[in-house]
Amino acid sequence: MPETIGSVSRDRYERAFFETVHHRVENFIAGTLLPHQEKTPNDPYIRTVMAQMGAIESTLQLLASLE
């Protein structure tokens, strides 16, 4: 049986946390990184950042949806 924090299970709390962080990362990518990438698509820095942030976003999405 999962432990609880007040009336919310730890599992639900953790999934909600990952969902919130995923949403913030998604907004950062869309609002900050994509415009940078559009201006300098061949810049090695932004290419590396986009690859790493894509992996982070994917991991957070997975963690938020685990049952």
Protein backbone atom coordinates (compact mmCIF):
# COMPACT_ATOMS: atom_id res chain seq x y z
CA MET A 1 0.00 0.00 0.00
CA PRO A 2 1.46 3.41 -0.96
CA GLU A 3 2.31 5.85 1.78
CA THR A 4 0.25 9.02 1.93
CA ILE A 5 1.01 12.69 2.33
CA GLY A 6 -2.18 13.98 3.91
CA SER A 7 -4.88 12.52 1.70
CA VAL A 8 -2.73 12.22 -1.43
CA SER A 9 -0.67 9.12 -2.15
CA ARG A 10 3.05 9.58 -2.71
CA ASP A 11 2.70 8.04 -6.16
CA ARG A 12 0.09 10.61 -7.22
CA TYR A 13 2.14 13.43 -5.73
CA GLU A 14 5.27 12.31 -7.58
CA ARG A 15 3.42 11.91 -10.90
CA ALA A 16 1.91 15.38 -10.47
CA PHE A 17 5.36 16.79 -9.77
CA PHE A 18 6.82 15.18 -12.92
CA GLU A 19 3.86 16.41 -14.95
CA THR A 20 4.40 19.96 -13.70
CA VAL A 21 8.13 19.90 -14.43
CA HIS A 22 7.46 18.36 -17.86
CA HIS A 23 5.06 21.20 -18.65
CA ARG A 24 7.67 23.81 -17.65
CA VAL A 25 10.37 22.12 -19.75
CA GLU A 26 7.98 21.88 -22.69
CA ASN A 27 7.24 25.61 -22.43
CA PHE A 28 10.95 26.46 -22.14
CA ILE A 29 11.69 24.45 -25.27
CA ALA A 30 8.85 26.06 -27.22
CA GLY A 31 9.38 29.61 -26.01
CA THR A 32 13.14 29.88 -25.73
CA LEU A 33 15.02 27.07 -27.39
CA LEU A 34 13.03 26.65 -30.61
CA PRO A 35 13.38 30.35 -31.55
CA HIS A 36 17.13 30.07 -30.87
CA GLN A 37 17.30 26.96 -33.04
CA GLU A 38 15.36 28.66 -35.85
CA LYS A 39 17.85 31.54 -35.89
CA THR A 40 20.97 29.35 -35.76
CA PRO A 41 20.03 25.80 -36.82
CA ASN A 42 23.62 24.71 -37.41
CA ASP A 43 24.98 25.98 -34.09
CA PRO A 44 26.51 22.97 -32.28
CA TYR A 45 25.50 24.42 -28.90
CA ILE A 46 21.78 24.63 -29.64
CA ARG A 47 21.82 21.25 -31.41
CA THR A 48 23.29 19.64 -28.28
CA VAL A 49 20.91 21.51 -25.97
CA MET A 50 17.88 20.49 -28.06
CA ALA A 51 18.94 16.84 -28.05
CA GLN A 52 19.46 16.81 -24.30
CA MET A 53 16.26 18.74 -23.53
CA GLY A 54 14.31 16.37 -25.78
CA ALA A 55 15.59 13.45 -23.72
CA ILE A 56 14.71 15.24 -20.48
CA GLU A 57 11.22 16.06 -21.75
CA SER A 58 10.66 12.46 -22.83
CA THR A 59 11.81 11.09 -19.47
CA LEU A 60 9.58 13.48 -17.52
CA GLN A 61 6.60 12.57 -19.70
CA LEU A 62 7.25 8.87 -19.06
CA LEU A 63 7.58 9.38 -15.30
CA ALA A 64 4.38 11.42 -15.17
CA SER A 65 2.40 8.71 -16.92
CA LEU A 66 3.64 5.62 -15.04
CA GLU A 67 0.94 3.73 -13.21
